[in-house]
C-alpha atoms as a PDB file:
ATOM      1  CA  UNK A   1      -0.088   0.005   0.245  1.00  0.00           C
ATOM      2  CA  UNK A   2       1.280   3.378  -0.968  1.00  0.00           C
ATOM      3  CA  UNK A   3       1.348   6.549   1.248  1.00  0.00           C
ATOM      4  CA  UNK A   4      -1.442   8.254  -1.122  1.00  0.00           C
ATOM      5  CA  UNK A   5      -3.796   5.250  -0.332  1.00  0.00           C
ATOM      6  CA  UNK A   6      -3.026   5.453   3.299  1.00  0.00           C
ATOM      7  CA  UNK A   7      -4.102   9.271   3.047  1.00  0.00           C
ATOM      8  CA  UNK A   8      -7.140   8.362   0.980  1.00  0.00           C
ATOM      9  CA  UNK A   9      -8.023   5.644   3.724  1.00  0.00           C
ATOM     10  CA  UNK A  10      -7.769   8.379   6.482  1.00  0.00           C
ATOM     11  CA  UNK A  11     -10.506  10.597   4.662  1.00  0.00           C
ATOM     12  CA  UNK A  12     -13.198   7.920   4.575  1.00  0.00           C
ATOM     13  CA  UNK A  13     -15.983   8.798   7.225  1.00  0.00           C
ATOM     14  CA  UNK A  14     -16.304   6.235  10.042  1.00  0.00           C
ATOM     15  CA  UNK A  15     -19.270   4.653   8.264  1.00  0.00           C
ATOM     16  CA  UNK A  16     -17.296   3.743   5.244  1.00  0.00           C
ATOM     17  CA  UNK A  17     -14.237   2.769   7.125  1.00  0.00           C
ATOM     18  CA  UNK A  18     -16.322   0.497   8.975  1.00  0.00           C
ATOM     19  CA  UNK A  19     -18.078  -0.868   5.806  1.00  0.00           C
ATOM     20  CA  UNK A  20     -14.569  -1.394   4.471  1.00  0.00           C
ATOM     21  CA  UNK A  21     -13.269  -3.294   7.213  1.00  0.00           C
ATOM     22  CA  UNK A  22     -16.314  -5.621   7.253  1.00  0.00           C
ATOM     23  CA  UNK A  23     -15.701  -6.273   3.408  1.00  0.00           C
ATOM     24  CA  UNK A  24     -12.067  -7.302   4.013  1.00  0.00           C
ATOM     25  CA  UNK A  25     -12.052  -9.195   7.245  1.00  0.00           C
ATOM     26  CA  UNK A  26     -15.992 -10.371   7.150  1.00  0.00           C
ATOM     27  CA  UNK A  27     -15.743 -13.400   4.894  1.00  0.00           C
ATOM     28  CA  UNK A  28     -13.089 -15.203   7.395  1.00  0.00           C
ATOM     29  CA  UNK A  29     -15.322 -14.494  10.707  1.00  0.00           C
ATOM     30  CA  UNK A  30     -18.929 -14.855   9.436  1.00  0.00           C
ATOM     31  CA  UNK A  31     -18.360 -18.182   8.296  1.00  0.00           C
ATOM     32  CA  UNK A  32     -18.131 -19.097  11.988  1.00  0.00           C
ATOM     33  CA  UNK A  33     -21.606 -19.805  13.389  1.00  0.00           C
ATOM     34  CA  UNK A  34     -21.368 -17.457  16.310  1.00  0.00           C
ATOM     35  CA  UNK A  35     -20.456 -14.753  14.532  1.00  0.00           C
ATOM     36  CA  UNK A  36     -23.055 -15.212  11.950  1.00  0.00           C
ATOM     37  CA  UNK A  37     -25.396 -15.199  14.822  1.00  0.00           C
ATOM     38  CA  UNK A  38     -23.595 -12.154  16.071  1.00  0.00           C
ATOM     39  CA  UNK A  39     -24.166 -10.358  13.313  1.00  0.00           C
ATOM     40  CA  UNK A  40     -27.725 -11.020  12.691  1.00  0.00           C
ATOM     41  CA  UNK A  41     -28.328  -9.542  16.262  1.00  0.00           C
ATOM     42  CA  UNK A  42     -26.487  -6.395  15.690  1.00  0.00           C
ATOM     43  CA  UNK A  43     -24.826  -5.260  12.558  1.00  0.00           C
ATOM     44  CA  UNK A  44     -23.266  -2.223  14.186  1.00  0.00           C
ATOM     45  CA  UNK A  45     -21.772  -4.413  16.762  1.00  0.00           C
ATOM     46  CA  UNK A  46     -20.271  -6.670  14.034  1.00  0.00           C
ATOM     47  CA  UNK A  47     -19.102  -3.789  12.223  1.00  0.00           C
ATOM     48  CA  UNK A  48     -17.217  -2.225  15.143  1.00  0.00           C
ATOM     49  CA  UNK A  49     -15.601  -5.573  15.728  1.00  0.00           C
ATOM     50  CA  UNK A  50     -14.506  -5.731  12.301  1.00  0.00           C
ATOM     51  CA  UNK A  51     -13.030  -2.345  12.047  1.00  0.00           C
ATOM     52  CA  UNK A  52     -11.502  -1.863  15.490  1.00  0.00           C
ATOM     53  CA  UNK A  53     -11.109  -5.514  17.141  1.00  0.00           C
ATOM     54  CA  UNK A  54      -9.511  -7.558  14.072  1.00  0.00           C
ATOM     55  CA  UNK A  55      -6.476  -7.355  12.258  1.00  0.00           C
ATOM     56  CA  UNK A  56      -4.622  -9.280   9.378  1.00  0.00           C
ATOM     57  CA  UNK A  57      -2.004 -11.609  10.166  1.00  0.00           C
ATOM     58  CA  UNK A  58       0.069 -12.821   7.451  1.00  0.00           C
ATOM     59  CA  UNK A  59       2.406 -15.533   7.802  1.00  0.00           C
ATOM     60  CA  UNK A  60       4.768 -17.710   5.509  1.00  0.00           C
ATOM     61  CA  UNK A  61       5.069 -21.347   4.832  1.00  0.00           C
ATOM     62  CA  UNK A  62       6.762 -22.589   8.149  1.00  0.00           C
ATOM     63  CA  UNK A  63       5.693 -19.924  10.100  1.00  0.00           C
ATOM     64  CA  UNK A  64       4.419 -21.227  13.773  1.00  0.00           C
ATOM     65  CA  UNK A  65       1.382 -18.455  14.566  1.00  0.00           C
ATOM     66  CA  UNK A  66       1.420 -20.065  18.319  1.00  0.00           C
ATOM     67  CA  UNK A  67       2.911 -23.041  20.179  1.00  0.00           C
ATOM     68  CA  UNK A  68       1.546 -25.130  22.998  1.00  0.00           C
ATOM     69  CA  UNK A  69       1.439 -23.099  26.555  1.00  0.00           C
ATOM     70  CA  UNK A  70       1.584 -19.597  25.114  1.00  0.00           C
ATOM     71  CA  UNK A  71      -1.072 -17.220  26.619  1.00  0.00           C
ATOM     72  CA  UNK A  72      -3.680 -16.184  23.830  1.00  0.00           C
ATOM     73  CA  UNK A  73      -5.337 -12.875  23.738  1.00  0.00           C
ATOM     74  CA  UNK A  74      -6.850 -13.409  20.474  1.00  0.00           C
ATOM     75  CA  UNK A  75      -9.332 -15.762  18.370  1.00  0.00           C
ATOM     76  CA  UNK A  76      -7.883 -16.607  14.913  1.00  0.00           C
ATOM     77  CA  UNK A  77      -9.889 -17.107  11.640  1.00  0.00           C
ATOM     78  CA  UNK A  78      -8.320 -18.054   8.205  1.00  0.00           C
ATOM     79  CA  UNK A  79      -8.976 -15.815   5.345  1.00  0.00           C
ATOM     80  CA  UNK A  80      -6.704 -17.507   2.922  1.00  0.00           C
ATOM     81  CA  UNK A  81      -3.919 -20.278   2.781  1.00  0.00           C
ATOM     82  CA  UNK A  82      -3.607 -23.572   4.832  1.00  0.00           C
ATOM     83  CA  UNK A  83      -2.282 -24.337   8.196  1.00  0.00           C
ATOM     84  CA  UNK A  84      -1.823 -27.474  10.476  1.00  0.00           C
ATOM     85  CA  UNK A  85      -2.818 -27.590  13.951  1.00  0.00           C
ATOM     86  CA  UNK A  86      -1.005 -30.179  15.961  1.00  0.00           C
ATOM     87  CA  UNK A  87      -1.417 -31.379  19.836  1.00  0.00           C
ATOM     88  CA  UNK A  88       0.029 -34.288  21.052  1.00  0.00           C
ATOM     89  CA  UNK A  89      -1.105 -36.084  24.083  1.00  0.00           C
ATOM     90  CA  UNK A  90      -0.121 -39.678  23.292  1.00  0.00           C
ATOM     91  CA  UNK A  91       1.546 -41.554  20.637  1.00  0.00           C
ATOM     92  CA  UNK A  92      -1.596 -41.985  18.180  1.00  0.00           C
ATOM     93  CA  UNK A  93      -1.290 -40.000  15.237  1.00  0.00           C
ATOM     94  CA  UNK A  94      -4.449 -38.758  13.549  1.00  0.00           C
ATOM     95  CA  UNK A  95      -4.703 -36.228  10.524  1.00  0.00           C
ATOM     96  CA  UNK A  96      -8.165 -35.072   9.098  1.00  0.00           C
ATOM     97  CA  UNK A  97      -8.013 -32.885   6.212  1.00  0.00           C
ATOM     98  CA  UNK A  98     -10.434 -29.559   6.065  1.00  0.00           C
ATOM     99  CA  UNK A  99     -11.951 -30.356   9.455  1.00  0.00           C
ATOM    100  CA  UNK A 100     -12.440 -28.118  12.805  1.00  0.00           C
ATOM    101  CA  UNK A 101     -12.441 -30.946  14.885  1.00  0.00           C
ATOM    102  CA  UNK A 102      -9.450 -32.651  15.868  1.00  0.00           C
ATOM    103  CA  UNK A 103      -9.161 -36.200  17.671  1.00  0.00           C
ATOM    104  CA  UNK A 104      -7.733 -37.161  21.056  1.00  0.00           C
ATOM    105  CA  UNK A 105      -4.080 -38.332  20.417  1.00  0.00           C
ATOM    106  CA  UNK A 106      -1.534 -36.592  18.383  1.00  0.00           C
ATOM    107  CA  UNK A 107      -3.773 -34.330  16.100  1.00  0.00           C
ATOM    108  CA  UNK A 108      -3.237 -32.221  12.955  1.00  0.00           C
ATOM    109  CA  UNK A 109      -5.852 -30.599  11.037  1.00  0.00           C
ATOM    110  CA  UNK A 110      -5.685 -28.693   7.690  1.00  0.00           C
ATOM    111  CA  UNK A 111      -8.444 -26.256   7.236  1.00  0.00           C
ATOM    112  CA  UNK A 112      -9.986 -23.471   5.140  1.00  0.00           C
ATOM    113  CA  UNK A 113     -11.892 -20.409   7.031  1.00  0.00           C
ATOM    114  CA  UNK A 114     -11.735 -22.181  10.503  1.00  0.00           C
ATOM    115  CA  UNK A 115     -11.635 -20.533  13.633  1.00  0.00           C
ATOM    116  CA  UNK A 116      -8.810 -21.335  15.997  1.00  0.00           C
ATOM    117  CA  UNK A 117      -8.460 -20.488  19.643  1.00  0.00           C
ATOM    118  CA  UNK A 118     -12.116 -19.211  19.982  1.00  0.00           C
ATOM    119  CA  UNK A 119     -12.157 -20.435  23.413  1.00  0.00           C
ATOM    120  CA  UNK A 120     -10.173 -17.039  24.188  1.00  0.00           C
ATOM    121  CA  UNK A 121     -13.580 -15.325  23.651  1.00  0.00           C
ATOM    122  CA  UNK A 122     -14.987 -16.354  27.006  1.00  0.00           C
ATOM    123  CA  UNK A 123     -12.285 -17.620  28.924  1.00  0.00           C
ATOM    124  CA  UNK A 124      -8.325 -17.031  29.942  1.00  0.00           C
ATOM    125  CA  UNK A 125      -6.635 -19.143  27.458  1.00  0.00           C
ATOM    126  CA  UNK A 126      -3.351 -20.939  26.947  1.00  0.00           C
ATOM    127  CA  UNK A 127      -2.767 -22.749  23.899  1.00  0.00           C
ATOM    128  CA  UNK A 128      -2.757 -26.534  23.790  1.00  0.00           C
ATOM    129  CA  UNK A 129      -0.987 -27.247  20.649  1.00  0.00           C
ATOM    130  CA  UNK A 130       1.006 -25.507  17.942  1.00  0.00           C
ATOM    131  CA  UNK A 131      -0.515 -23.793  14.784  1.00  0.00           C
ATOM    132  CA  UNK A 132       2.032 -23.686  11.766  1.00  0.00           C
ATOM    133  CA  UNK A 133       1.682 -22.482   8.246  1.00  0.00           C
ATOM    134  CA  UNK A 134       1.740 -24.856   5.467  1.00  0.00           C
ATOM    135  CA  UNK A 135       1.413 -22.349   2.719  1.00  0.00           C
ATOM    136  CA  UNK A 136       1.593 -18.419   2.664  1.00  0.00           C
ATOM    137  CA  UNK A 137      -1.344 -17.465   4.694  1.00  0.00           C
ATOM    138  CA  UNK A 138      -3.380 -14.821   5.791  1.00  0.00           C
ATOM    139  CA  UNK A 139      -5.618 -14.949   9.163  1.00  0.00           C
ATOM    140  CA  UNK A 140      -7.821 -12.733  11.182  1.00  0.00           C
ATOM    141  CA  UNK A 141      -7.078 -12.069  14.646  1.00  0.00           C
ATOM    142  CA  UNK A 142      -9.717 -10.782  16.774  1.00  0.00           C
ATOM    143  CA  UNK A 143      -8.423  -9.019  20.142  1.00  0.00           C
ATOM    144  CA  UNK A 144     -10.601 -10.680  22.951  1.00  0.00           C
ATOM    145  CA  UNK A 145     -10.254  -7.612  25.160  1.00  0.00           C
ATOM    146  CA  UNK A 146     -11.820  -5.167  22.340  1.00  0.00           C
ATOM    147  CA  UNK A 147     -14.419  -7.602  21.268  1.00  0.00           C
ATOM    148  CA  UNK A 148     -15.812  -7.528  25.102  1.00  0.00           C
ATOM    149  CA  UNK A 149     -15.449  -3.879  25.018  1.00  0.00           C
ATOM    150  CA  UNK A 150     -17.836  -3.371  21.805  1.00  0.00           C
ATOM    151  CA  UNK A 151     -20.002  -5.826  22.690  1.00  0.00           C
ATOM    152  CA  UNK A 152     -20.609  -4.405  25.939  1.00  0.00           C
ATOM    153  CA  UNK A 153     -22.114  -1.548  24.003  1.00  0.00           C
ATOM    154  CA  UNK A 154     -24.996  -3.272  22.395  1.00  0.00           C
ATOM    155  CA  UNK A 155     -27.434  -4.958  24.687  1.00  0.00           C
ATOM    156  CA  UNK A 156     -28.822  -7.913  22.130  1.00  0.00           C
ATOM    157  CA  UNK A 157     -25.300  -8.587  21.161  1.00  0.00           C
ATOM    158  CA  UNK A 158     -24.255  -8.766  24.746  1.00  0.00           C
ATOM    159  CA  UNK A 159     -27.147 -11.027  26.239  1.00  0.00           C
ATOM    160  CA  UNK A 160     -26.508 -13.419  23.277  1.00  0.00           C
ATOM    161  CA  UNK A 161     -22.769 -13.469  23.837  1.00  0.00           C
ATOM    162  CA  UNK A 162     -23.289 -14.126  27.539  1.00  0.00           C
ATOM    163  CA  UNK A 163     -25.539 -17.295  26.814  1.00  0.00           C
ATOM    164  CA  UNK A 164     -23.201 -18.471  24.552  1.00  0.00           C
ATOM    165  CA  UNK A 165     -20.531 -18.074  26.605  1.00  0.00           C
ATOM    166  CA  UNK A 166     -22.009 -19.829  29.326  1.00  0.00           C
ATOM    167  CA  UNK A 167     -23.029 -22.717  27.224  1.00  0.00           C
ATOM    168  CA  UNK A 168     -19.330 -22.898  25.797  1.00  0.00           C
ATOM    169  CA  UNK A 169     -18.133 -23.106  29.079  1.00  0.00           C
ATOM    170  CA  UNK A 170     -20.296 -25.799  30.174  1.00  0.00           C
ATOM    171  CA  UNK A 171     -19.305 -28.051  27.249  1.00  0.00           C
ATOM    172  CA  UNK A 172     -15.679 -27.353  28.108  1.00  0.00           C
ATOM    173  CA  UNK A 173     -16.244 -28.618  31.526  1.00  0.00           C
ATOM    174  CA  UNK A 174     -18.073 -31.395  30.275  1.00  0.00           C
ATOM    175  CA  UNK A 175     -14.841 -32.532  28.399  1.00  0.00           C
ATOM    176  CA  UNK A 176     -12.180 -35.094  29.349  1.00  0.00           C
ATOM    177  CA  UNK A 177      -8.830 -33.134  30.192  1.00  0.00           C
ATOM    178  CA  UNK A 178      -7.280 -34.942  27.210  1.00  0.00           C
ATOM    179  CA  UNK A 179      -9.964 -33.806  24.640  1.00  0.00           C
ATOM    180  CA  UNK A 180      -9.170 -30.150  25.581  1.00  0.00           C
ATOM    181  CA  UNK A 181      -7.525 -27.999  22.672  1.00  0.00           C
ATOM    182  CA  UNK A 182      -7.794 -25.081  20.380  1.00  0.00           C
ATOM    183  CA  UNK A 183     -10.297 -26.560  17.875  1.00  0.00           C
ATOM    184  CA  UNK A 184     -12.314 -28.548  20.394  1.00  0.00           C
ATOM    185  CA  UNK A 185     -15.760 -28.373  19.251  1.00  0.00           C
ATOM    186  CA  UNK A 186     -17.165 -28.881  15.657  1.00  0.00           C
ATOM    187  CA  UNK A 187     -19.187 -26.347  13.364  1.00  0.00           C
ATOM    188  CA  UNK A 188     -22.423 -28.102  14.351  1.00  0.00           C
ATOM    189  CA  UNK A 189     -21.717 -27.799  18.067  1.00  0.00           C
ATOM    190  CA  UNK A 190     -21.039 -23.998  17.832  1.00  0.00           C
ATOM    191  CA  UNK A 191     -23.979 -23.811  15.637  1.00  0.00           C
ATOM    192  CA  UNK A 192     -26.155 -24.853  18.323  1.00  0.00           C
ATOM    193  CA  UNK A 193     -24.793 -23.015  21.095  1.00  0.00           C
ATOM    194  CA  UNK A 194     -24.986 -19.876  18.749  1.00  0.00           C
ATOM    195  CA  UNK A 195     -28.778 -20.614  17.724  1.00  0.00           C
ATOM    196  CA  UNK A 196     -29.718 -21.293  21.099  1.00  0.00           C
ATOM    197  CA  UNK A 197     -28.307 -18.473  22.810  1.00  0.00           C
ATOM    198  CA  UNK A 198     -29.315 -15.654  20.225  1.00  0.00           C
ATOM    199  CA  UNK A 199     -32.792 -17.360  19.916  1.00  0.00           C
ATOM    200  CA  UNK A 200     -33.102 -16.956  23.766  1.00  0.00           C
ATOM    201  CA  UNK A 201     -31.483 -13.136  23.771  1.00  0.00           C
ATOM    202  CA  UNK A 202     -33.649 -11.798  20.976  1.00  0.00           C
ATOM    203  CA  UNK A 203     -36.499 -14.163  20.104  1.00  0.00           C
ATOM    204  CA  UNK A 204     -35.326 -15.150  16.439  1.00  0.00           C
ATOM    205  CA  UNK A 205     -33.300 -18.283  15.344  1.00  0.00           C
END
């Protein structure tokens, strides 16, 4: 991006700036069932998240995005490229392509448009495995503190988020310790949590 492009972006109104940010990072975030329902509940809140809480992270093949034991203050969404998530709890090796769901044992998954470390949205989180780029990739990172700040400004989004957080934490509590990971729930499980949460908060599924 050239300097003149930066200067032109600075001239955009706040509304246009949020629309642009939503168009850039939205495709990575809105495939996630929770954020799809979140946007349905409050488009304004979703635009705030996209424009002020989200940033792009570009990595090259072989780069490590995070390692086991590191603290996380962001949820990650794949915009482009392929990565592999590996978690080792035993000598068993399981590889599943295009999956959000890792298995017990030494697990790895390649995935398009998947969420990683979404638990950081709801709880103080430390990574359980390693995320490494297979190809040149672009991720969208949501700062969980800023996400909370903008969510608190919208009552419908806040109610739905609180309900979803409670369901997510209960589902985590029900997991065996060996099953905890940065990608522990399937899209179907997250979809059920999000649908129930925002149905309860605003009366529409």
